[in-house]
Amino acid sequence: MEKKDTRSEVIRIGTELIAHHGYNATGIEMVLKEAGVPKGSFYHYFKSKEEFGLAVMDLFADKYSQRMTALLQDGSQPPLTRLRTLLEGSLERFSRNQCSKGCLIGNLGQEMADQNERFRARLDEIFAGWRQLFAACLREAQQSGALRADCECDVMASFVLSGWEGAILRAKVMKSPQPLQDFIQMLFSQTFS
């Protein structure tokens, strides 16, 4: 495996392990063993566990942002349909995972925001990017007349993001997709009605 492929594989495996066990409980040895990479190789690819954690975060955020962008900017569907499709797709993936894992960025925010300033700042950037994608979609809905003219789209985007992340947390605790289902139902039947 060449250097870039090995690094990518270590990040991919690290993403899965951190999603299941958390950042602090995921040891470097565990990741390298799963990847089949010699222990001494880690520092060839990463300067520290922190740099590795940031790379894991970036991989997950990039993939999720690409999915969000593709769905929320799909001009073949009305804007609020796009938003609902995104949320229902996340609900489906969460349910397939037996209501575990949740959102890696949300999980890391809960675990690391008070422990590591670099993590906190990067997590904040990721959430801000997601909020901007929501806000752009909501502005389109507003311009099409599907959303009230007096709706503050940036504030509503923050509400959607915070509400969704909170529903994911509750769903993990309850081991039930019900909080996510409730959030989607209330968002579209009450908030956007």
N, C-alpha and C. Protein backbone atom coordinates (compact mmCIF):
# COMPACT_ATOMS: atom_id res chain seq x y z
N MET A 1 0.85 -1.18 0.00
CA MET A 1 0.00 0.00 0.00
C MET A 1 0.89 1.24 0.00
N GLU A 2 0.67 2.18 -0.88
CA GLU A 2 1.50 3.37 -0.85
C GLU A 2 1.10 4.28 0.32
N LYS A 3 1.98 5.25 0.57
CA LYS A 3 1.83 6.13 1.72
C LYS A 3 0.44 6.76 1.79
N LYS A 4 -0.02 7.36 0.69
CA LYS A 4 -1.31 8.04 0.70
C LYS A 4 -2.44 7.05 0.94
N ASP A 5 -2.38 5.87 0.34
CA ASP A 5 -3.42 4.86 0.54
C ASP A 5 -3.44 4.38 1.99
N THR A 6 -2.28 4.15 2.57
CA THR A 6 -2.21 3.70 3.97
C THR A 6 -2.78 4.77 4.89
N ARG A 7 -2.41 6.01 4.67
CA ARG A 7 -2.92 7.11 5.49
C ARG A 7 -4.44 7.18 5.40
N SER A 8 -4.97 7.08 4.18
CA SER A 8 -6.42 7.13 3.98
C SER A 8 -7.12 5.97 4.67
N GLU A 9 -6.52 4.79 4.60
CA GLU A 9 -7.11 3.62 5.24
C GLU A 9 -7.11 3.77 6.76
N VAL A 10 -6.03 4.29 7.31
CA VAL A 10 -5.96 4.52 8.76
C VAL A 10 -7.04 5.53 9.18
N ILE A 11 -7.24 6.58 8.39
CA ILE A 11 -8.28 7.57 8.70
C ILE A 11 -9.66 6.94 8.60
N ARG A 12 -9.89 6.15 7.57
CA ARG A 12 -11.20 5.51 7.39
C ARG A 12 -11.52 4.59 8.56
N ILE A 13 -10.57 3.78 8.95
CA ILE A 13 -10.77 2.86 10.07
C ILE A 13 -10.92 3.65 11.37
N GLY A 14 -10.11 4.69 11.53
CA GLY A 14 -10.23 5.54 12.71
C GLY A 14 -11.61 6.18 12.82
N THR A 15 -12.17 6.57 11.68
CA THR A 15 -13.50 7.16 11.67
C THR A 15 -14.53 6.19 12.22
N GLU A 16 -14.46 4.94 11.77
CA GLU A 16 -15.39 3.91 12.26
C GLU A 16 -15.21 3.65 13.75
N LEU A 17 -13.97 3.51 14.18
CA LEU A 17 -13.71 3.21 15.59
C LEU A 17 -14.11 4.37 16.50
N ILE A 18 -13.80 5.58 16.09
CA ILE A 18 -14.17 6.74 16.90
C ILE A 18 -15.68 6.90 16.94
N ALA A 19 -16.36 6.60 15.84
CA ALA A 19 -17.82 6.67 15.82
C ALA A 19 -18.43 5.70 16.83
N HIS A 20 -17.79 4.55 17.01
CA HIS A 20 -18.32 3.54 17.95
C HIS A 20 -17.85 3.74 19.38
N HIS A 21 -16.60 4.18 19.57
CA HIS A 21 -16.02 4.19 20.91
C HIS A 21 -15.72 5.59 21.46
N GLY A 22 -15.73 6.60 20.61
CA GLY A 22 -15.34 7.93 21.04
C GLY A 22 -13.85 8.15 20.78
N TYR A 23 -13.45 9.41 20.80
CA TYR A 23 -12.06 9.77 20.51
C TYR A 23 -11.12 9.29 21.62
N ASN A 24 -11.46 9.61 22.86
CA ASN A 24 -10.56 9.27 23.97
C ASN A 24 -10.40 7.77 24.16
N ALA A 25 -11.43 7.00 23.90
CA ALA A 25 -11.37 5.55 24.10
C ALA A 25 -10.77 4.81 22.91
N THR A 26 -10.54 5.50 21.81
CA THR A 26 -9.95 4.87 20.64
C THR A 26 -8.44 5.07 20.67
N GLY A 27 -7.75 4.00 20.96
CA GLY A 27 -6.30 4.06 21.02
C GLY A 27 -5.68 3.92 19.63
N ILE A 28 -4.52 4.50 19.48
CA ILE A 28 -3.79 4.43 18.22
C ILE A 28 -3.48 2.98 17.88
N GLU A 29 -3.09 2.19 18.87
CA GLU A 29 -2.78 0.78 18.62
C GLU A 29 -3.98 0.04 18.06
N MET A 30 -5.18 0.36 18.57
CA MET A 30 -6.41 -0.27 18.09
C MET A 30 -6.61 0.03 16.60
N VAL A 31 -6.40 1.29 16.22
CA VAL A 31 -6.59 1.71 14.83
C VAL A 31 -5.57 1.02 13.93
N LEU A 32 -4.31 1.04 14.35
CA LEU A 32 -3.25 0.44 13.52
C LEU A 32 -3.41 -1.07 13.39
N LYS A 33 -3.84 -1.71 14.46
CA LYS A 33 -4.07 -3.16 14.40
C LYS A 33 -5.18 -3.47 13.39
N GLU A 34 -6.27 -2.73 13.47
CA GLU A 34 -7.40 -2.93 12.55
C GLU A 34 -6.98 -2.66 11.10
N ALA A 35 -6.10 -1.66 10.91
CA ALA A 35 -5.64 -1.30 9.56
C ALA A 35 -4.52 -2.21 9.06
N GLY A 36 -3.95 -3.02 9.97
CA GLY A 36 -2.84 -3.88 9.57
C GLY A 36 -1.58 -3.09 9.28
N VAL A 37 -1.39 -2.03 10.04
CA VAL A 37 -0.24 -1.15 9.85
C VAL A 37 0.67 -1.28 11.08
N PRO A 38 1.98 -1.39 10.89
CA PRO A 38 2.90 -1.50 12.04
C PRO A 38 2.80 -0.29 12.97
N LYS A 39 2.94 -0.57 14.25
CA LYS A 39 2.78 0.47 15.28
C LYS A 39 3.66 1.69 15.03
N GLY A 40 4.88 1.47 14.63
CA GLY A 40 5.80 2.58 14.42
C GLY A 40 5.45 3.48 13.25
N SER A 41 4.51 3.04 12.41
CA SER A 41 4.16 3.80 11.20
C SER A 41 3.25 5.00 11.47
N PHE A 42 2.56 4.99 12.59
CA PHE A 42 1.58 6.05 12.85
C PHE A 42 2.18 7.44 12.70
N TYR A 43 3.32 7.66 13.34
CA TYR A 43 3.92 9.00 13.34
C TYR A 43 4.57 9.35 12.01
N HIS A 44 4.63 8.38 11.11
CA HIS A 44 5.05 8.66 9.74
C HIS A 44 3.91 9.40 9.01
N TYR A 45 2.68 9.07 9.38
CA TYR A 45 1.51 9.65 8.71
C TYR A 45 0.90 10.82 9.47
N PHE A 46 1.05 10.85 10.79
CA PHE A 46 0.44 11.90 11.62
C PHE A 46 1.44 12.35 12.68
N LYS A 47 1.47 13.63 12.96
CA LYS A 47 2.39 14.16 13.97
C LYS A 47 1.94 13.80 15.38
N SER A 48 0.60 13.61 15.55
CA SER A 48 0.05 13.35 16.88
C SER A 48 -1.32 12.73 16.75
N LYS A 49 -1.85 12.25 17.87
CA LYS A 49 -3.21 11.73 17.86
C LYS A 49 -4.19 12.88 17.55
N GLU A 50 -3.87 14.08 18.00
CA GLU A 50 -4.72 15.23 17.71
C GLU A 50 -4.82 15.47 16.20
N GLU A 51 -3.68 15.43 15.50
CA GLU A 51 -3.70 15.61 14.06
C GLU A 51 -4.51 14.50 13.38
N PHE A 52 -4.36 13.29 13.88
CA PHE A 52 -5.15 12.16 13.38
C PHE A 52 -6.65 12.43 13.59
N GLY A 53 -7.02 12.87 14.79
CA GLY A 53 -8.42 13.16 15.10
C GLY A 53 -8.98 14.24 14.19
N LEU A 54 -8.20 15.25 13.91
CA LEU A 54 -8.65 16.32 13.01
C LEU A 54 -8.84 15.78 11.59
N ALA A 55 -7.96 14.86 11.17
CA ALA A 55 -8.09 14.25 9.84
C ALA A 55 -9.36 13.39 9.76
N VAL A 56 -9.66 12.68 10.83
CA VAL A 56 -10.90 11.87 10.89
C VAL A 56 -12.10 12.80 10.79
N MET A 57 -12.07 13.87 11.55
CA MET A 57 -13.16 14.84 11.54
C MET A 57 -13.36 15.41 10.13
N ASP A 58 -12.26 15.77 9.49
CA ASP A 58 -12.35 16.35 8.15
C ASP A 58 -12.91 15.37 7.14
N LEU A 59 -12.50 14.10 7.23
CA LEU A 59 -13.02 13.09 6.30
C LEU A 59 -14.53 12.96 6.45
N PHE A 60 -15.00 12.81 7.68
CA PHE A 60 -16.44 12.67 7.91
C PHE A 60 -17.18 13.92 7.45
N ALA A 61 -16.68 15.08 7.83
CA ALA A 61 -17.35 16.35 7.49
C ALA A 61 -17.39 16.56 5.98
N ASP A 62 -16.30 16.25 5.30
CA ASP A 62 -16.27 16.42 3.85
C ASP A 62 -17.30 15.52 3.17
N LYS A 63 -17.35 14.25 3.58
CA LYS A 63 -18.31 13.32 2.97
C LYS A 63 -19.74 13.76 3.27
N TYR A 64 -20.02 14.13 4.51
CA TYR A 64 -21.38 14.53 4.86
C TYR A 64 -21.76 15.84 4.18
N SER A 65 -20.82 16.77 4.09
CA SER A 65 -21.09 18.05 3.41
C SER A 65 -21.37 17.83 1.93
N GLN A 66 -20.67 16.90 1.31
CA GLN A 66 -20.93 16.57 -0.09
C GLN A 66 -22.34 16.02 -0.26
N ARG A 67 -22.75 15.13 0.65
CA ARG A 67 -24.10 14.56 0.60
C ARG A 67 -25.14 15.66 0.80
N MET A 68 -24.90 16.51 1.80
CA MET A 68 -25.82 17.62 2.06
C MET A 68 -25.94 18.54 0.85
N THR A 69 -24.81 18.90 0.28
CA THR A 69 -24.80 19.81 -0.87
C THR A 69 -25.56 19.21 -2.04
N ALA A 70 -25.30 17.94 -2.32
CA ALA A 70 -25.98 17.28 -3.44
C ALA A 70 -27.49 17.27 -3.23
N LEU A 71 -27.93 16.98 -2.03
CA LEU A 71 -29.37 16.93 -1.76
C LEU A 71 -30.00 18.31 -1.67
N LEU A 72 -29.36 19.21 -0.92
CA LEU A 72 -29.98 20.51 -0.67
C LEU A 72 -29.92 21.45 -1.87
N GLN A 73 -29.06 21.16 -2.84
CA GLN A 73 -28.97 22.00 -4.03
C GLN A 73 -29.56 21.32 -5.27
N ASP A 74 -30.27 20.23 -5.07
CA ASP A 74 -30.87 19.50 -6.18
C ASP A 74 -32.09 20.26 -6.69
N GLY A 75 -31.90 20.99 -7.79
CA GLY A 75 -32.95 21.84 -8.34
C GLY A 75 -34.15 21.09 -8.91
N SER A 76 -34.08 19.77 -8.98
CA SER A 76 -35.22 19.01 -9.52
C SER A 76 -36.32 18.83 -8.48
N GLN A 77 -36.03 19.16 -7.22
CA GLN A 77 -37.00 19.03 -6.14
C GLN A 77 -37.24 20.39 -5.47
N PRO A 78 -38.44 20.62 -4.94
CA PRO A 78 -38.67 21.85 -4.17
C PRO A 78 -37.75 21.89 -2.95
N PRO A 79 -37.34 23.07 -2.51
CA PRO A 79 -36.37 23.19 -1.41
C PRO A 79 -36.74 22.45 -0.12
N LEU A 80 -37.99 22.58 0.32
CA LEU A 80 -38.35 21.91 1.57
C LEU A 80 -38.40 20.39 1.40
N THR A 81 -38.69 19.90 0.21
CA THR A 81 -38.63 18.47 -0.07
C THR A 81 -37.19 17.99 0.03
N ARG A 82 -36.26 18.80 -0.46
CA ARG A 82 -34.83 18.44 -0.37
C ARG A 82 -34.41 18.31 1.09
N LEU A 83 -34.83 19.28 1.92
CA LEU A 83 -34.47 19.25 3.33
C LEU A 83 -35.06 18.01 4.00
N ARG A 84 -36.31 17.72 3.72
CA ARG A 84 -36.96 16.55 4.31
C ARG A 84 -36.25 15.27 3.86
N THR A 85 -35.88 15.19 2.59
CA THR A 85 -35.17 14.03 2.07
C THR A 85 -33.85 13.82 2.81
N LEU A 86 -33.13 14.90 3.06
CA LEU A 86 -31.87 14.81 3.80
C LEU A 86 -32.10 14.27 5.21
N LEU A 87 -33.06 14.83 5.91
CA LEU A 87 -33.33 14.41 7.29
C LEU A 87 -33.84 12.96 7.33
N GLU A 88 -34.72 12.61 6.42
CA GLU A 88 -35.25 11.24 6.41
C GLU A 88 -34.16 10.23 6.03
N GLY A 89 -33.23 10.63 5.16
CA GLY A 89 -32.10 9.74 4.84
C GLY A 89 -31.21 9.52 6.06
N SER A 90 -30.98 10.57 6.83
CA SER A 90 -30.19 10.43 8.06
C SER A 90 -30.91 9.55 9.07
N LEU A 91 -32.22 9.73 9.18
CA LEU A 91 -33.03 8.89 10.06
C LEU A 91 -32.92 7.42 9.65
N GLU A 92 -32.99 7.15 8.37
CA GLU A 92 -32.90 5.78 7.88
C GLU A 92 -31.54 5.16 8.21
N ARG A 93 -30.45 5.91 7.98
CA ARG A 93 -29.11 5.39 8.29
C ARG A 93 -28.96 5.14 9.79
N PHE A 94 -29.48 6.06 10.60
CA PHE A 94 -29.41 5.92 12.05
C PHE A 94 -30.17 4.67 12.50
N SER A 95 -31.34 4.45 11.94
CA SER A 95 -32.15 3.28 12.28
C SER A 95 -31.44 1.99 11.87
N ARG A 96 -30.80 1.99 10.69
CA ARG A 96 -30.05 0.81 10.24
C ARG A 96 -28.90 0.47 11.19
N ASN A 97 -28.36 1.48 11.85
CA ASN A 97 -27.25 1.29 12.80
C ASN A 97 -27.74 0.99 14.21
N GLN A 98 -28.99 0.55 14.34
CA GLN A 98 -29.58 0.22 15.64
C GLN A 98 -29.48 1.39 16.63
N CYS A 99 -29.68 2.59 16.12
CA CYS A 99 -29.71 3.81 16.94
C CYS A 99 -28.41 4.01 17.72
N SER A 100 -27.31 3.66 17.08
CA SER A 100 -26.00 3.90 17.70
C SER A 100 -25.19 4.77 16.74
N LYS A 101 -24.01 5.11 17.14
CA LYS A 101 -23.10 5.96 16.38
C LYS A 101 -23.57 7.41 16.34
N GLY A 102 -24.70 7.69 15.75
CA GLY A 102 -25.16 9.07 15.66
C GLY A 102 -24.32 9.87 14.68
N CYS A 103 -24.20 11.14 14.93
CA CYS A 103 -23.41 12.04 14.09
C CYS A 103 -22.02 12.15 14.70
N LEU A 104 -21.01 11.76 13.95
CA LEU A 104 -19.64 11.80 14.47
C LEU A 104 -19.26 13.20 14.93
N ILE A 105 -19.67 14.22 14.19
CA ILE A 105 -19.33 15.60 14.55
C ILE A 105 -20.04 15.99 15.85
N GLY A 106 -21.30 15.62 15.98
CA GLY A 106 -22.02 15.88 17.23
C GLY A 106 -21.39 15.14 18.40
N ASN A 107 -21.03 13.87 18.17
CA ASN A 107 -20.38 13.08 19.22
C ASN A 107 -19.08 13.72 19.67
N LEU A 108 -18.27 14.13 18.69
CA LEU A 108 -16.98 14.75 19.03
C LEU A 108 -17.19 16.11 19.71
N GLY A 109 -18.24 16.81 19.31
CA GLY A 109 -18.55 18.08 19.98
C GLY A 109 -18.84 17.88 21.45
N GLN A 110 -19.62 16.85 21.76
CA GLN A 110 -19.94 16.56 23.16
C GLN A 110 -18.72 16.10 23.94
N GLU A 111 -17.88 15.31 23.29
CA GLU A 111 -16.72 14.74 23.97
C GLU A 111 -15.55 15.70 24.07
N MET A 112 -15.30 16.49 23.00
CA MET A 112 -14.02 17.18 22.91
C MET A 112 -14.06 18.71 22.97
N ALA A 113 -15.22 19.32 22.85
CA ALA A 113 -15.27 20.79 22.76
C ALA A 113 -14.66 21.47 23.98
N ASP A 114 -14.81 20.87 25.15
CA ASP A 114 -14.23 21.46 26.37
C ASP A 114 -12.81 20.99 26.64
N GLN A 115 -12.33 20.01 25.87
CA GLN A 115 -11.01 19.44 26.14
C GLN A 115 -9.92 19.94 25.19
N ASN A 116 -10.31 20.36 23.99
CA ASN A 116 -9.30 20.65 22.99
C ASN A 116 -9.77 21.82 22.12
N GLU A 117 -9.07 22.92 22.18
CA GLU A 117 -9.49 24.13 21.46
C GLU A 117 -9.43 23.95 19.95
N ARG A 118 -8.44 23.23 19.45
CA ARG A 118 -8.37 23.00 17.99
C ARG A 118 -9.57 22.19 17.51
N PHE A 119 -9.95 21.18 18.28
CA PHE A 119 -11.13 20.40 17.94
C PHE A 119 -12.37 21.29 17.99
N ARG A 120 -12.52 22.06 19.07
CA ARG A 120 -13.69 22.91 19.23
C ARG A 120 -13.83 23.87 18.06
N ALA A 121 -12.74 24.51 17.68
CA ALA A 121 -12.78 25.48 16.59
C ALA A 121 -13.13 24.79 15.26
N ARG A 122 -12.57 23.61 15.01
CA ARG A 122 -12.88 22.91 13.76
C ARG A 122 -14.33 22.43 13.74
N LEU A 123 -14.80 21.92 14.87
CA LEU A 123 -16.20 21.49 14.97
C LEU A 123 -17.14 22.67 14.72
N ASP A 124 -16.81 23.82 15.26
CA ASP A 124 -17.62 25.02 15.05
C ASP A 124 -17.66 25.40 13.57
N GLU A 125 -16.52 25.30 12.90
CA GLU A 125 -16.46 25.59 11.45
C GLU A 125 -17.35 24.62 10.67
N ILE A 126 -17.29 23.35 11.03
CA ILE A 126 -18.10 22.34 10.33
C ILE A 126 -19.58 22.63 10.52
N PHE A 127 -19.99 22.85 11.75
CA PHE A 127 -21.40 23.16 12.01
C PHE A 127 -21.83 24.44 11.28
N ALA A 128 -20.95 25.44 11.24
CA ALA A 128 -21.28 26.69 10.53
C ALA A 128 -21.48 26.42 9.04
N GLY A 129 -20.67 25.56 8.46
CA GLY A 129 -20.84 25.21 7.05
C GLY A 129 -22.16 24.50 6.80
N TRP A 130 -22.53 23.60 7.70
CA TRP A 130 -23.81 22.90 7.56
C TRP A 130 -24.97 23.89 7.70
N ARG A 131 -24.85 24.79 8.66
CA ARG A 131 -25.89 25.80 8.86
C ARG A 131 -26.05 26.64 7.60
N GLN A 132 -24.96 26.99 6.95
CA GLN A 132 -25.04 27.78 5.71
C GLN A 132 -25.75 27.01 4.61
N LEU A 133 -25.52 25.70 4.52
CA LEU A 133 -26.22 24.89 3.52
C LEU A 133 -27.72 24.86 3.80
N PHE A 134 -28.09 24.70 5.07
CA PHE A 134 -29.51 24.75 5.44
C PHE A 134 -30.11 26.12 5.10
N ALA A 135 -29.39 27.17 5.45
CA ALA A 135 -29.91 28.54 5.24
C ALA A 135 -30.12 28.82 3.75
N ALA A 136 -29.21 28.38 2.91
CA ALA A 136 -29.35 28.61 1.46
C ALA A 136 -30.59 27.90 0.93
N CYS A 137 -30.81 26.68 1.40
CA CYS A 137 -31.99 25.93 0.98
C CYS A 137 -33.27 26.62 1.47
N LEU A 138 -33.25 27.09 2.69
CA LEU A 138 -34.42 27.78 3.25
C LEU A 138 -34.69 29.10 2.52
N ARG A 139 -33.63 29.81 2.12
CA ARG A 139 -33.83 31.05 1.34
C ARG A 139 -34.49 30.73 0.00
N GLU A 140 -34.09 29.62 -0.60
CA GLU A 140 -34.75 29.20 -1.85
C GLU A 140 -36.23 28.92 -1.61
N ALA A 141 -36.53 28.25 -0.50
CA ALA A 141 -37.93 27.97 -0.16
C ALA A 141 -38.70 29.27 0.05
N GLN A 142 -38.06 30.21 0.69
CA GLN A 142 -38.68 31.51 0.92
C GLN A 142 -38.94 32.24 -0.40
N GLN A 143 -37.96 32.22 -1.28
CA GLN A 143 -38.11 32.89 -2.58
C GLN A 143 -39.19 32.24 -3.44
N SER A 144 -39.41 30.95 -3.26
CA SER A 144 -40.44 30.25 -4.04
C SER A 144 -41.82 30.39 -3.41
N GLY A 145 -41.88 30.98 -2.22
CA GLY A 145 -43.16 31.15 -1.54
C GLY A 145 -43.54 29.98 -0.64
N ALA A 146 -42.67 28.98 -0.53
CA ALA A 146 -42.96 27.82 0.32
C ALA A 146 -42.67 28.09 1.79
N LEU A 147 -41.98 29.17 2.08
CA LEU A 147 -41.63 29.54 3.45
C LEU A 147 -42.02 31.00 3.65
N ARG A 148 -42.55 31.33 4.81
CA ARG A 148 -43.02 32.68 5.09
C ARG A 148 -41.94 33.73 4.79
N ALA A 149 -42.37 34.86 4.31
CA ALA A 149 -41.45 35.95 3.96
C ALA A 149 -40.74 36.51 5.19
N ASP A 150 -41.37 36.42 6.36
CA ASP A 150 -40.75 36.99 7.57
C ASP A 150 -39.85 35.99 8.30
N CYS A 151 -39.66 34.82 7.74
CA CYS A 151 -38.77 33.82 8.35
C CYS A 151 -37.32 34.30 8.23
N GLU A 152 -36.60 34.29 9.34
CA GLU A 152 -35.17 34.61 9.32
C GLU A 152 -34.43 33.30 9.02
N CYS A 153 -34.02 33.14 7.79
CA CYS A 153 -33.49 31.85 7.31
C CYS A 153 -32.23 31.42 8.05
N ASP A 154 -31.36 32.36 8.42
CA ASP A 154 -30.15 31.97 9.16
C ASP A 154 -30.51 31.45 10.54
N VAL A 155 -31.46 32.11 11.20
CA VAL A 155 -31.90 31.67 12.53
C VAL A 155 -32.62 30.31 12.41
N MET A 156 -33.47 30.17 11.41
CA MET A 156 -34.18 28.91 11.20
C MET A 156 -33.18 27.79 10.90
N ALA A 157 -32.14 28.08 10.13
CA ALA A 157 -31.13 27.07 9.83
C ALA A 157 -30.43 26.62 11.11
N SER A 158 -30.14 27.55 12.00
CA SER A 158 -29.53 27.20 13.29
C SER A 158 -30.47 26.33 14.11
N PHE A 159 -31.76 26.68 14.09
CA PHE A 159 -32.77 25.90 14.80
C PHE A 159 -32.83 24.47 14.26
N VAL A 160 -32.85 24.32 12.94
CA VAL A 160 -32.91 22.99 12.33
C VAL A 160 -31.67 22.19 12.72
N LEU A 161 -30.50 22.78 12.60
CA LEU A 161 -29.26 22.07 12.93
C LEU A 161 -29.22 21.68 14.40
N SER A 162 -29.53 22.61 15.28
CA SER A 162 -29.49 22.32 16.72
C SER A 162 -30.55 21.30 17.11
N GLY A 163 -31.75 21.45 16.55
CA GLY A 163 -32.82 20.52 16.85
C GLY A 163 -32.50 19.11 16.38
N TRP A 164 -31.93 19.02 15.18
CA TRP A 164 -31.59 17.71 14.63
C TRP A 164 -30.50 17.04 15.44
N GLU A 165 -29.44 17.78 15.77
CA GLU A 165 -28.35 17.21 16.57
C GLU A 165 -28.86 16.79 17.94
N GLY A 166 -29.74 17.59 18.53
CA GLY A 166 -30.33 17.22 19.82
C GLY A 166 -31.20 15.99 19.72
N ALA A 167 -31.95 15.87 18.64
CA ALA A 167 -32.79 14.68 18.43
C ALA A 167 -31.93 13.43 18.26
N ILE A 168 -30.79 13.58 17.59
CA ILE A 168 -29.87 12.44 17.44
C ILE A 168 -29.37 11.99 18.81
N LEU A 169 -28.99 12.94 19.65
CA LEU A 169 -28.51 12.62 21.00
C LEU A 169 -29.59 11.87 21.78
N ARG A 170 -30.80 12.39 21.77
CA ARG A 170 -31.89 11.73 22.50
C ARG A 170 -32.18 10.35 21.93
N ALA A 171 -32.13 10.22 20.61
CA ALA A 171 -32.39 8.92 19.98
C ALA A 171 -31.34 7.89 20.40
N LYS A 172 -30.08 8.33 20.51
CA LYS A 172 -29.02 7.42 20.98
C LYS A 172 -29.29 6.99 22.41
N VAL A 173 -29.66 7.93 23.26
CA VAL A 173 -29.91 7.62 24.67
C VAL A 173 -31.11 6.68 24.81
N MET A 174 -32.15 6.95 24.04
CA MET A 174 -33.37 6.13 24.11
C MET A 174 -33.25 4.83 23.32
N LYS A 175 -32.24 4.72 22.44
CA LYS A 175 -32.11 3.59 21.51
C LYS A 175 -33.39 3.45 20.70
N SER A 176 -33.86 4.59 20.23
CA SER A 176 -35.10 4.63 19.46
C SER A 176 -35.02 5.78 18.45
N PRO A 177 -35.51 5.58 17.24
CA PRO A 177 -35.53 6.67 16.26
C PRO A 177 -36.67 7.67 16.51
N GLN A 178 -37.47 7.46 17.54
CA GLN A 178 -38.64 8.29 17.77
C GLN A 178 -38.33 9.79 17.87
N PRO A 179 -37.30 10.23 18.60
CA PRO A 179 -37.03 11.67 18.64
C PRO A 179 -36.75 12.27 17.26
N LEU A 180 -36.09 11.52 16.39
CA LEU A 180 -35.83 12.00 15.03
C LEU A 180 -37.12 12.07 14.23
N GLN A 181 -37.95 11.05 14.36
CA GLN A 181 -39.25 11.06 13.68
C GLN A 181 -40.10 12.23 14.17
N ASP A 182 -40.10 12.45 15.49
CA ASP A 182 -40.88 13.56 16.05
C ASP A 182 -40.37 14.90 15.54
N PHE A 183 -39.05 15.05 15.47
CA PHE A 183 -38.49 16.31 15.00
C PHE A 183 -38.91 16.58 13.55
N ILE A 184 -38.78 15.60 12.70
CA ILE A 184 -39.17 15.78 11.29
C ILE A 184 -40.65 16.11 11.19
N GLN A 185 -41.47 15.37 11.92
CA GLN A 185 -42.92 15.59 11.85
C GLN A 185 -43.28 16.99 12.31
N MET A 186 -42.74 17.45 13.44
CA MET A 186 -43.06 18.78 13.95
C MET A 186 -42.48 19.88 13.06
N LEU A 187 -41.29 19.67 12.54
CA LEU A 187 -40.67 20.68 11.68
C LEU A 187 -41.54 20.94 10.45
N PHE A 188 -42.01 19.88 9.83
CA PHE A 188 -42.74 20.05 8.59
C PHE A 188 -44.23 20.27 8.78
N SER A 189 -44.81 19.82 9.90
CA SER A 189 -46.25 20.03 10.08
C SER A 189 -46.55 21.32 10.84
N GLN A 190 -45.62 21.79 11.67
CA GLN A 190 -45.88 22.98 12.48
C GLN A 190 -45.01 24.17 12.09
N THR A 191 -43.72 23.96 12.02
CA THR A 191 -42.79 25.07 11.78
C THR A 191 -42.89 25.60 10.36
N PHE A 192 -42.95 24.71 9.40
CA PHE A 192 -42.98 25.12 7.99
C PHE A 192 -44.39 25.19 7.41
N SER A 193 -45.39 25.07 8.26
CA SER A 193 -46.78 25.08 7.72
C SER A 193 -47.26 26.49 7.46
